[in-house]
């Protein structure tokens, strides 16, 4: 698991730093702690291996928000179902 001070290679759409390039303006954890308000819903989707789980776990930990993972919910809901018939 990564620490809250880790910098993730996350690119926010249409954001550029003062030098005009797309590098992250500040450490990801600092952005989440200081600039992302309360009461938000974060929905993450993407290709396999693109740090979705790691990023959402970090946001959940920093903000003390619950993390709902649909793959785990589906496993629980369908645990007694034969979905391959």
PDB file of N, CA and C in Angstrom:
ATOM      1  N   UNK A   1       0.849  -1.184   0.000  1.00  0.00           N
ATOM      2  CA  UNK A   1       0.000   0.000   0.000  1.00  0.00           C
ATOM      3  C   UNK A   1       0.887   1.237   0.000  1.00  0.00           C
ATOM      4  N   UNK A   2       0.445   2.261  -0.663  1.00  0.00           N
ATOM      5  CA  UNK A   2       1.217   3.494  -0.751  1.00  0.00           C
ATOM      6  C   UNK A   2       0.902   4.410   0.418  1.00  0.00           C
ATOM      7  N   UNK A   3       1.790   5.354   0.659  1.00  0.00           N
ATOM      8  CA  UNK A   3       1.573   6.303   1.746  1.00  0.00           C
ATOM      9  C   UNK A   3       0.756   7.483   1.253  1.00  0.00           C
ATOM     10  N   UNK A   4       0.104   8.236   2.166  1.00  0.00           N
ATOM     11  CA  UNK A   4      -0.687   9.396   1.746  1.00  0.00           C
ATOM     12  C   UNK A   4       0.139  10.480   1.071  1.00  0.00           C
ATOM     13  N   UNK A   5       1.444  10.449   1.227  1.00  0.00           N
ATOM     14  CA  UNK A   5       2.279  11.468   0.598  1.00  0.00           C
ATOM     15  C   UNK A   5       2.751  11.066  -0.786  1.00  0.00           C
ATOM     16  N   UNK A   6       2.314   9.925  -1.251  1.00  0.00           N
ATOM     17  CA  UNK A   6       2.722   9.462  -2.574  1.00  0.00           C
ATOM     18  C   UNK A   6       2.152  10.368  -3.649  1.00  0.00           C
ATOM     19  N   UNK A   7       2.887  10.480  -4.705  1.00  0.00           N
ATOM     20  CA  UNK A   7       2.419  11.241  -5.853  1.00  0.00           C
ATOM     21  C   UNK A   7       2.005  10.244  -6.914  1.00  0.00           C
ATOM     22  N   UNK A   8       0.741  10.271  -7.273  1.00  0.00           N
ATOM     23  CA  UNK A   8       0.252   9.392  -8.313  1.00  0.00           C
ATOM     24  C   UNK A   8       0.338  10.111  -9.650  1.00  0.00           C
ATOM     25  N   UNK A   9       0.575   9.357 -10.658  1.00  0.00           N
ATOM     26  CA  UNK A   9       0.626   9.936 -12.001  1.00  0.00           C
ATOM     27  C   UNK A   9      -0.796  10.092 -12.506  1.00  0.00           C
ATOM     28  N   UNK A  10      -1.477  11.031 -11.929  1.00  0.00           N
ATOM     29  CA  UNK A  10      -2.865  11.295 -12.279  1.00  0.00           C
ATOM     30  C   UNK A  10      -2.919  12.604 -13.048  1.00  0.00           C
ATOM     31  N   UNK A  11      -3.558  12.569 -14.176  1.00  0.00           N
ATOM     32  CA  UNK A  11      -3.678  13.772 -14.988  1.00  0.00           C
ATOM     33  C   UNK A  11      -5.119  14.236 -14.936  1.00  0.00           C
ATOM     34  N   UNK A  12      -5.344  15.418 -14.442  1.00  0.00           N
ATOM     35  CA  UNK A  12      -6.677  15.984 -14.418  1.00  0.00           C
ATOM     36  C   UNK A  12      -6.921  16.668 -15.749  1.00  0.00           C
ATOM     37  N   UNK A  13      -8.086  16.432 -16.325  1.00  0.00           N
ATOM     38  CA  UNK A  13      -8.397  16.963 -17.644  1.00  0.00           C
ATOM     39  C   UNK A  13      -8.292  18.483 -17.664  1.00  0.00           C
ATOM     40  N   UNK A  14      -7.641  18.978 -18.682  1.00  0.00           N
ATOM     41  CA  UNK A  14      -7.512  20.420 -18.929  1.00  0.00           C
ATOM     42  C   UNK A  14      -6.837  21.178 -17.801  1.00  0.00           C
ATOM     43  N   UNK A  15      -5.945  20.563 -17.070  1.00  0.00           N
ATOM     44  CA  UNK A  15      -5.199  21.291 -16.056  1.00  0.00           C
ATOM     45  C   UNK A  15      -3.740  21.326 -16.455  1.00  0.00           C
ATOM     46  N   UNK A  16      -3.157  22.490 -16.316  1.00  0.00           N
ATOM     47  CA  UNK A  16      -1.746  22.648 -16.595  1.00  0.00           C
ATOM     48  C   UNK A  16      -1.106  23.394 -15.437  1.00  0.00           C
ATOM     49  N   UNK A  17       0.172  23.103 -15.207  1.00  0.00           N
ATOM     50  CA  UNK A  17       0.871  23.835 -14.159  1.00  0.00           C
ATOM     51  C   UNK A  17       1.330  25.182 -14.693  1.00  0.00           C
ATOM     52  N   UNK A  18       2.038  25.936 -13.868  1.00  0.00           N
ATOM     53  CA  UNK A  18       2.450  27.290 -14.251  1.00  0.00           C
ATOM     54  C   UNK A  18       3.405  27.307 -15.442  1.00  0.00           C
ATOM     55  N   UNK A  19       4.096  26.196 -15.695  1.00  0.00           N
ATOM     56  CA  UNK A  19       5.006  26.125 -16.825  1.00  0.00           C
ATOM     57  C   UNK A  19       4.282  25.750 -18.116  1.00  0.00           C
ATOM     58  N   UNK A  20       2.995  25.491 -18.051  1.00  0.00           N
ATOM     59  CA  UNK A  20       2.212  25.196 -19.235  1.00  0.00           C
ATOM     60  C   UNK A  20       2.214  23.740 -19.656  1.00  0.00           C
ATOM     61  N   UNK A  21       2.755  22.864 -18.837  1.00  0.00           N
ATOM     62  CA  UNK A  21       2.709  21.454 -19.209  1.00  0.00           C
ATOM     63  C   UNK A  21       1.732  20.703 -18.312  1.00  0.00           C
ATOM     64  N   UNK A  22       1.580  19.433 -18.581  1.00  0.00           N
ATOM     65  CA  UNK A  22       0.553  18.643 -17.909  1.00  0.00           C
ATOM     66  C   UNK A  22       1.053  17.892 -16.686  1.00  0.00           C
ATOM     67  N   UNK A  23       2.211  18.219 -16.179  1.00  0.00           N
ATOM     68  CA  UNK A  23       2.676  17.554 -14.963  1.00  0.00           C
ATOM     69  C   UNK A  23       1.765  17.919 -13.800  1.00  0.00           C
ATOM     70  N   UNK A  24       1.713  17.028 -12.843  1.00  0.00           N
ATOM     71  CA  UNK A  24       0.873  17.230 -11.674  1.00  0.00           C
ATOM     72  C   UNK A  24       1.301  18.486 -10.922  1.00  0.00           C
ATOM     73  N   UNK A  25       0.380  19.357 -10.613  1.00  0.00           N
ATOM     74  CA  UNK A  25       0.686  20.623  -9.936  1.00  0.00           C
ATOM     75  C   UNK A  25       1.198  20.419  -8.527  1.00  0.00           C
ATOM     76  N   UNK A  26       0.667  19.451  -7.850  1.00  0.00           N
ATOM     77  CA  UNK A  26       1.014  19.205  -6.467  1.00  0.00           C
ATOM     78  C   UNK A  26       0.822  17.732  -6.175  1.00  0.00           C
ATOM     79  N   UNK A  27       1.382  17.251  -5.080  1.00  0.00           N
ATOM     80  CA  UNK A  27       1.159  15.847  -4.742  1.00  0.00           C
ATOM     81  C   UNK A  27      -0.338  15.537  -4.659  1.00  0.00           C
ATOM     82  N   UNK A  28      -0.686  14.380  -5.161  1.00  0.00           N
ATOM     83  CA  UNK A  28      -2.090  13.972  -5.226  1.00  0.00           C
ATOM     84  C   UNK A  28      -2.760  14.040  -3.859  1.00  0.00           C
ATOM     85  N   UNK A  29      -2.081  13.549  -2.825  1.00  0.00           N
ATOM     86  CA  UNK A  29      -2.656  13.541  -1.474  1.00  0.00           C
ATOM     87  C   UNK A  29      -2.956  14.956  -1.002  1.00  0.00           C
ATOM     88  N   UNK A  30      -2.091  15.904  -1.304  1.00  0.00           N
ATOM     89  CA  UNK A  30      -2.333  17.301  -0.906  1.00  0.00           C
ATOM     90  C   UNK A  30      -3.575  17.855  -1.593  1.00  0.00           C
ATOM     91  N   UNK A  31      -3.729  17.537  -2.869  1.00  0.00           N
ATOM     92  CA  UNK A  31      -4.912  17.990  -3.594  1.00  0.00           C
ATOM     93  C   UNK A  31      -6.176  17.427  -2.949  1.00  0.00           C
ATOM     94  N   UNK A  32      -6.176  16.131  -2.661  1.00  0.00           N
ATOM     95  CA  UNK A  32      -7.349  15.488  -2.065  1.00  0.00           C
ATOM     96  C   UNK A  32      -7.652  16.094  -0.699  1.00  0.00           C
ATOM     97  N   UNK A  33      -6.633  16.274   0.128  1.00  0.00           N
ATOM     98  CA  UNK A  33      -6.841  16.804   1.479  1.00  0.00           C
ATOM     99  C   UNK A  33      -7.291  18.257   1.484  1.00  0.00           C
ATOM    100  N   UNK A  34      -6.697  19.083   0.645  1.00  0.00           N
ATOM    101  CA  UNK A  34      -6.881  20.532   0.756  1.00  0.00           C
ATOM    102  C   UNK A  34      -7.862  21.144  -0.231  1.00  0.00           C
ATOM    103  N   UNK A  35      -8.024  20.571  -1.388  1.00  0.00           N
ATOM    104  CA  UNK A  35      -8.821  21.248  -2.413  1.00  0.00           C
ATOM    105  C   UNK A  35     -10.078  20.504  -2.825  1.00  0.00           C
ATOM    106  N   UNK A  36     -10.147  19.236  -2.506  1.00  0.00           N
ATOM    107  CA  UNK A  36     -11.346  18.479  -2.832  1.00  0.00           C
ATOM    108  C   UNK A  36     -12.285  18.576  -1.642  1.00  0.00           C
ATOM    109  N   UNK A  37     -13.429  19.175  -1.857  1.00  0.00           N
ATOM    110  CA  UNK A  37     -14.359  19.408  -0.761  1.00  0.00           C
ATOM    111  C   UNK A  37     -14.984  18.134  -0.232  1.00  0.00           C
ATOM    112  N   UNK A  38     -15.933  18.296   0.641  1.00  0.00           N
ATOM    113  CA  UNK A  38     -16.655  17.160   1.214  1.00  0.00           C
ATOM    114  C   UNK A  38     -17.911  16.888   0.411  1.00  0.00           C
ATOM    115  N   UNK A  39     -18.477  15.721   0.619  1.00  0.00           N
ATOM    116  CA  UNK A  39     -19.744  15.387  -0.007  1.00  0.00           C
ATOM    117  C   UNK A  39     -19.651  15.183  -1.506  1.00  0.00           C
ATOM    118  N   UNK A  40     -18.662  14.460  -1.963  1.00  0.00           N
ATOM    119  CA  UNK A  40     -18.549  14.198  -3.390  1.00  0.00           C
ATOM    120  C   UNK A  40     -18.690  12.701  -3.652  1.00  0.00           C
ATOM    121  N   UNK A  41     -19.006  12.369  -4.881  1.00  0.00           N
ATOM    122  CA  UNK A  41     -19.097  10.992  -5.318  1.00  0.00           C
ATOM    123  C   UNK A  41     -18.026  10.797  -6.380  1.00  0.00           C
ATOM    124  N   UNK A  42     -17.134   9.881  -6.135  1.00  0.00           N
ATOM    125  CA  UNK A  42     -16.057   9.600  -7.076  1.00  0.00           C
ATOM    126  C   UNK A  42     -16.368   8.286  -7.775  1.00  0.00           C
ATOM    127  N   UNK A  43     -16.565   8.350  -9.072  1.00  0.00           N
ATOM    128  CA  UNK A  43     -16.821   7.159  -9.879  1.00  0.00           C
ATOM    129  C   UNK A  43     -15.601   6.960 -10.765  1.00  0.00           C
ATOM    130  N   UNK A  44     -15.025   5.780 -10.692  1.00  0.00           N
ATOM    131  CA  UNK A  44     -13.794   5.513 -11.426  1.00  0.00           C
ATOM    132  C   UNK A  44     -14.019   4.351 -12.369  1.00  0.00           C
ATOM    133  N   UNK A  45     -13.592   4.521 -13.610  1.00  0.00           N
ATOM    134  CA  UNK A  45     -13.644   3.436 -14.574  1.00  0.00           C
ATOM    135  C   UNK A  45     -12.423   3.558 -15.480  1.00  0.00           C
ATOM    136  N   UNK A  46     -12.058   2.473 -16.094  1.00  0.00           N
ATOM    137  CA  UNK A  46     -10.904   2.503 -16.978  1.00  0.00           C
ATOM    138  C   UNK A  46     -10.409   1.118 -17.304  1.00  0.00           C
ATOM    139  N   UNK A  47      -9.361   1.079 -18.071  1.00  0.00           N
ATOM    140  CA  UNK A  47      -8.765  -0.174 -18.493  1.00  0.00           C
ATOM    141  C   UNK A  47      -8.095  -0.882 -17.322  1.00  0.00           C
ATOM    142  N   UNK A  48      -7.904  -2.184 -17.433  1.00  0.00           N
ATOM    143  CA  UNK A  48      -7.200  -2.915 -16.378  1.00  0.00           C
ATOM    144  C   UNK A  48      -5.776  -2.374 -16.198  1.00  0.00           C
ATOM    145  N   UNK A  49      -5.324  -2.383 -14.963  1.00  0.00           N
ATOM    146  CA  UNK A  49      -3.953  -1.994 -14.664  1.00  0.00           C
ATOM    147  C   UNK A  49      -3.675  -0.507 -14.716  1.00  0.00           C
ATOM    148  N   UNK A  50      -4.699   0.331 -14.540  1.00  0.00           N
ATOM    149  CA  UNK A  50      -4.493   1.785 -14.618  1.00  0.00           C
ATOM    150  C   UNK A  50      -4.609   2.465 -13.259  1.00  0.00           C
ATOM    151  N   UNK A  51      -4.382   1.735 -12.177  1.00  0.00           N
ATOM    152  CA  UNK A  51      -4.329   2.251 -10.807  1.00  0.00           C
ATOM    153  C   UNK A  51      -5.674   2.734 -10.280  1.00  0.00           C
ATOM    154  N   UNK A  52      -6.766   2.208 -10.797  1.00  0.00           N
ATOM    155  CA  UNK A  52      -8.085   2.614 -10.304  1.00  0.00           C
ATOM    156  C   UNK A  52      -8.262   2.250  -8.838  1.00  0.00           C
ATOM    157  N   UNK A  53      -7.981   1.000  -8.486  1.00  0.00           N
ATOM    158  CA  UNK A  53      -8.166   0.536  -7.111  1.00  0.00           C
ATOM    159  C   UNK A  53      -7.242   1.292  -6.163  1.00  0.00           C
ATOM    160  N   UNK A  54      -5.979   1.407  -6.513  1.00  0.00           N
ATOM    161  CA  UNK A  54      -5.011   2.080  -5.651  1.00  0.00           C
ATOM    162  C   UNK A  54      -5.377   3.545  -5.418  1.00  0.00           C
ATOM    163  N   UNK A  55      -5.809   4.207  -6.482  1.00  0.00           N
ATOM    164  CA  UNK A  55      -6.172   5.622  -6.367  1.00  0.00           C
ATOM    165  C   UNK A  55      -7.410   5.804  -5.502  1.00  0.00           C
ATOM    166  N   UNK A  56      -8.445   4.990  -5.729  1.00  0.00           N
ATOM    167  CA  UNK A  56      -9.663   5.143  -4.939  1.00  0.00           C
ATOM    168  C   UNK A  56      -9.447   4.737  -3.482  1.00  0.00           C
ATOM    169  N   UNK A  57      -8.598   3.741  -3.237  1.00  0.00           N
ATOM    170  CA  UNK A  57      -8.271   3.388  -1.849  1.00  0.00           C
ATOM    171  C   UNK A  57      -7.569   4.543  -1.143  1.00  0.00           C
ATOM    172  N   UNK A  58      -6.698   5.231  -1.842  1.00  0.00           N
ATOM    173  CA  UNK A  58      -5.973   6.362  -1.258  1.00  0.00           C
ATOM    174  C   UNK A  58      -6.936   7.514  -0.941  1.00  0.00           C
ATOM    175  N   UNK A  59      -7.848   7.815  -1.866  1.00  0.00           N
ATOM    176  CA  UNK A  59      -8.836   8.874  -1.623  1.00  0.00           C
ATOM    177  C   UNK A  59      -9.719   8.484  -0.442  1.00  0.00           C
ATOM    178  N   UNK A  60     -10.153   7.245  -0.389  1.00  0.00           N
ATOM    179  CA  UNK A  60     -10.990   6.765   0.710  1.00  0.00           C
ATOM    180  C   UNK A  60     -10.274   6.906   2.049  1.00  0.00           C
ATOM    181  N   UNK A  61      -9.000   6.571   2.064  1.00  0.00           N
ATOM    182  CA  UNK A  61      -8.220   6.654   3.299  1.00  0.00           C
ATOM    183  C   UNK A  61      -8.007   8.115   3.732  1.00  0.00           C
ATOM    184  N   UNK A  62      -7.661   8.964   2.784  1.00  0.00           N
ATOM    185  CA  UNK A  62      -7.388  10.370   3.101  1.00  0.00           C
ATOM    186  C   UNK A  62      -8.642  11.068   3.613  1.00  0.00           C
ATOM    187  N   UNK A  63      -9.767  10.849   2.950  1.00  0.00           N
ATOM    188  CA  UNK A  63     -11.008  11.547   3.294  1.00  0.00           C
ATOM    189  C   UNK A  63     -11.859  10.802   4.317  1.00  0.00           C
ATOM    190  N   UNK A  64     -11.456   9.598   4.700  1.00  0.00           N
ATOM    191  CA  UNK A  64     -12.229   8.748   5.620  1.00  0.00           C
ATOM    192  C   UNK A  64     -13.633   8.480   5.080  1.00  0.00           C
ATOM    193  N   UNK A  65     -13.710   8.216   3.803  1.00  0.00           N
ATOM    194  CA  UNK A  65     -14.967   7.897   3.147  1.00  0.00           C
ATOM    195  C   UNK A  65     -15.040   6.400   2.905  1.00  0.00           C
ATOM    196  N   UNK A  66     -16.241   5.839   2.871  1.00  0.00           N
ATOM    197  CA  UNK A  66     -16.366   4.417   2.548  1.00  0.00           C
ATOM    198  C   UNK A  66     -16.029   4.170   1.081  1.00  0.00           C
ATOM    199  N   UNK A  67     -15.558   2.999   0.813  1.00  0.00           N
ATOM    200  CA  UNK A  67     -15.223   2.610  -0.547  1.00  0.00           C
ATOM    201  C   UNK A  67     -16.121   1.451  -0.941  1.00  0.00           C
ATOM    202  N   UNK A  68     -16.898   1.642  -1.980  1.00  0.00           N
ATOM    203  CA  UNK A  68     -17.790   0.596  -2.491  1.00  0.00           C
ATOM    204  C   UNK A  68     -17.208   0.085  -3.795  1.00  0.00           C
ATOM    205  N   UNK A  69     -16.867  -1.196  -3.821  1.00  0.00           N
ATOM    206  CA  UNK A  69     -16.293  -1.807  -5.027  1.00  0.00           C
ATOM    207  C   UNK A  69     -17.330  -2.731  -5.637  1.00  0.00           C
ATOM    208  N   UNK A  70     -17.756  -2.397  -6.851  1.00  0.00           N
ATOM    209  CA  UNK A  70     -18.833  -3.158  -7.479  1.00  0.00           C
ATOM    210  C   UNK A  70     -18.459  -4.606  -7.723  1.00  0.00           C
ATOM    211  N   UNK A  71     -17.188  -4.903  -7.961  1.00  0.00           N
ATOM    212  CA  UNK A  71     -16.820  -6.302  -8.182  1.00  0.00           C
ATOM    213  C   UNK A  71     -17.049  -7.127  -6.924  1.00  0.00           C
ATOM    214  N   UNK A  72     -16.758  -6.579  -5.756  1.00  0.00           N
ATOM    215  CA  UNK A  72     -16.998  -7.302  -4.509  1.00  0.00           C
ATOM    216  C   UNK A  72     -18.484  -7.385  -4.180  1.00  0.00           C
ATOM    217  N   UNK A  73     -19.226  -6.336  -4.487  1.00  0.00           N
ATOM    218  CA  UNK A  73     -20.673  -6.345  -4.261  1.00  0.00           C
ATOM    219  C   UNK A  73     -21.328  -7.392  -5.154  1.00  0.00           C
ATOM    220  N   UNK A  74     -20.920  -7.446  -6.423  1.00  0.00           N
ATOM    221  CA  UNK A  74     -21.471  -8.449  -7.343  1.00  0.00           C
ATOM    222  C   UNK A  74     -21.172  -9.868  -6.866  1.00  0.00           C
ATOM    223  N   UNK A  75     -19.967 -10.104  -6.368  1.00  0.00           N
ATOM    224  CA  UNK A  75     -19.633 -11.437  -5.858  1.00  0.00           C
ATOM    225  C   UNK A  75     -20.558 -11.835  -4.719  1.00  0.00           C
ATOM    226  N   UNK A  76     -20.842 -10.906  -3.826  1.00  0.00           N
ATOM    227  CA  UNK A  76     -21.712 -11.199  -2.683  1.00  0.00           C
ATOM    228  C   UNK A  76     -23.163 -11.415  -3.129  1.00  0.00           C
ATOM    229  N   UNK A  77     -23.648 -10.570  -4.012  1.00  0.00           N
ATOM    230  CA  UNK A  77     -25.035 -10.661  -4.461  1.00  0.00           C
ATOM    231  C   UNK A  77     -25.271 -11.936  -5.276  1.00  0.00           C
ATOM    232  N   UNK A  78     -24.282 -12.328  -6.066  1.00  0.00           N
ATOM    233  CA  UNK A  78     -24.459 -13.475  -6.959  1.00  0.00           C
ATOM    234  C   UNK A  78     -23.813 -14.757  -6.451  1.00  0.00           C
ATOM    235  N   UNK A  79     -23.443 -14.798  -5.176  1.00  0.00           N
ATOM    236  CA  UNK A  79     -22.674 -15.946  -4.676  1.00  0.00           C
ATOM    237  C   UNK A  79     -23.409 -17.284  -4.784  1.00  0.00           C
ATOM    238  N   UNK A  80     -24.721 -17.301  -4.723  1.00  0.00           N
ATOM    239  CA  UNK A  80     -25.471 -18.555  -4.813  1.00  0.00           C
ATOM    240  C   UNK A  80     -26.169 -18.710  -6.163  1.00  0.00           C
ATOM    241  N   UNK A  81     -25.835 -17.879  -7.110  1.00  0.00           N
ATOM    242  CA  UNK A  81     -26.484 -17.913  -8.418  1.00  0.00           C
ATOM    243  C   UNK A  81     -25.590 -18.621  -9.436  1.00  0.00           C
ATOM    244  N   UNK A  82     -26.215 -19.414 -10.287  1.00  0.00           N
ATOM    245  CA  UNK A  82     -25.494 -20.028 -11.392  1.00  0.00           C
ATOM    246  C   UNK A  82     -25.671 -19.109 -12.596  1.00  0.00           C
ATOM    247  N   UNK A  83     -24.709 -18.254 -12.825  1.00  0.00           N
ATOM    248  CA  UNK A  83     -24.840 -17.270 -13.893  1.00  0.00           C
ATOM    249  C   UNK A  83     -24.326 -17.803 -15.230  1.00  0.00           C
ATOM    250  N   UNK A  84     -23.827 -19.031 -15.253  1.00  0.00           N
ATOM    251  CA  UNK A  84     -23.280 -19.602 -16.476  1.00  0.00           C
ATOM    252  C   UNK A  84     -24.164 -20.706 -17.066  1.00  0.00           C
ATOM    253  N   UNK A  85     -25.481 -20.582 -16.875  1.00  0.00           N
ATOM    254  CA  UNK A  85     -26.364 -21.626 -17.432  1.00  0.00           C
ATOM    255  C   UNK A  85     -26.865 -21.290 -18.808  1.00  0.00           C
TER     256      UNK A  85
END
